[in-house]
Protein backbone atom coordinates (compact mmCIF):
# COMPACT_ATOMS: atom_id res chain seq x y z
CA MET A 1 69.67 9.32 -36.35
CA SER A 2 68.85 5.84 -34.88
CA LYS A 3 66.30 4.51 -36.28
CA THR A 4 62.79 3.03 -34.34
CA SER A 5 60.16 1.00 -33.10
CA VAL A 6 57.05 0.70 -32.95
CA ILE A 7 55.86 -1.05 -29.80
CA THR A 8 52.44 -1.66 -27.99
CA ALA A 9 51.51 -1.59 -24.59
CA ARG A 10 48.40 -1.74 -22.69
CA VAL A 11 48.09 0.45 -19.03
CA ASP A 12 44.95 1.46 -17.04
CA ALA A 13 42.94 4.98 -18.00
CA GLU A 14 44.60 6.58 -14.45
CA THR A 15 48.12 5.12 -15.73
CA LEU A 16 47.91 7.17 -18.95
CA ALA A 17 46.69 10.22 -16.93
CA LEU A 18 49.51 9.91 -15.42
CA ILE A 19 51.52 9.65 -18.18
CA ASP A 20 50.21 12.64 -20.39
CA LYS A 21 50.24 15.07 -16.89
CA VAL A 22 54.06 14.41 -16.53
CA ALA A 23 54.43 14.28 -20.57
CA LYS A 24 52.27 17.64 -20.91
CA ALA A 25 53.97 19.46 -17.78
CA GLN A 26 57.48 18.87 -19.17
CA GLY A 27 55.90 19.98 -22.86
CA ARG A 28 57.05 16.41 -24.12
CA SER A 29 54.50 13.53 -25.88
CA ARG A 30 53.13 11.16 -24.74
CA ALA A 31 55.65 8.90 -26.79
CA TRP A 32 58.41 11.23 -25.47
CA PHE A 33 57.79 10.57 -22.20
CA VAL A 34 56.69 6.14 -22.94
CA SER A 35 60.44 6.28 -24.75
CA GLN A 36 61.97 7.45 -21.88
CA ALA A 37 60.55 6.00 -19.06
CA VAL A 38 60.86 1.94 -20.63
CA GLN A 39 64.79 3.06 -21.92
CA GLN A 40 65.61 3.68 -17.86
CA LYS A 41 64.16 0.93 -16.46
CA ALA A 42 65.72 -0.94 -19.37
CA GLU A 43 69.00 0.53 -17.78
CA ARG A 44 68.44 0.30 -14.61
CA LEU A 45 67.79 -3.16 -15.08
CA THR A 46 70.67 -3.95 -17.36
CA GLU A 47 72.74 -3.31 -14.45
CA GLU A 48 71.08 -4.52 -11.69
CA GLN A 49 71.16 -7.91 -13.60
CA ALA A 50 75.41 -7.34 -14.51
CA PHE A 51 75.61 -6.12 -10.73
CA ILE A 52 73.18 -9.83 -9.74
CA GLN A 53 76.13 -10.57 -12.21
CA VAL A 54 79.20 -9.87 -10.62
CA GLY A 55 77.86 -12.18 -7.28
CA ILE A 56 77.48 -15.34 -8.67
CA ASP A 57 80.31 -15.03 -10.07
CA ALA A 58 82.52 -14.44 -7.14
CA ILE A 59 80.32 -17.88 -5.76
CA GLU A 60 80.85 -19.31 -8.28
CA ARG A 61 84.96 -19.03 -7.90
CA GLY A 62 83.69 -19.94 -4.57
CA GLU A 63 84.63 -16.63 -3.04
CA TYR A 64 81.35 -16.07 -0.69
CA LEU A 65 81.18 -15.75 3.26
CA THR A 66 78.76 -18.77 4.82
CA HIS A 67 76.04 -17.10 7.43
CA GLU A 68 77.56 -18.30 10.06
CA GLU A 69 80.39 -17.32 9.12
CA MET A 70 78.69 -14.35 8.23
CA LEU A 71 77.75 -13.14 11.89
CA ALA A 72 81.15 -14.32 12.70
CA TRP A 73 82.35 -11.97 11.03
CA TRP A 74 79.75 -8.81 12.12
CA GLU A 75 80.91 -9.54 15.31
CA ALA A 76 83.90 -8.77 15.30
CA ARG A 77 83.79 -6.17 13.72
CA LYS A 78 80.25 -4.97 16.11
CA GLN A 79 83.61 -5.57 18.85
CA ARG A 80 86.50 -3.44 17.83
CA LYS A 81 83.42 -0.64 17.37
CA ALA A 82 82.56 -0.96 21.15
CA ALA A 83 86.53 -1.28 22.42
């Protein structure tokens, strides 16, 4: 079993009521729900940051289009589709 740590967060009464409602509906504790929510959010943000870094790395390698180049590409694509 993995080691766990305790963290503290302040939420308003409305948010706490929502947490309790969802946790109860799933037959889970408030702690379980919050743990799952934090884990899922951290995973999504990690994936998002990795995706952004791919773009930053491409830009640093010079692999990008200027705004004007992108507009020209888009117009050419529209024309090919219309033909």
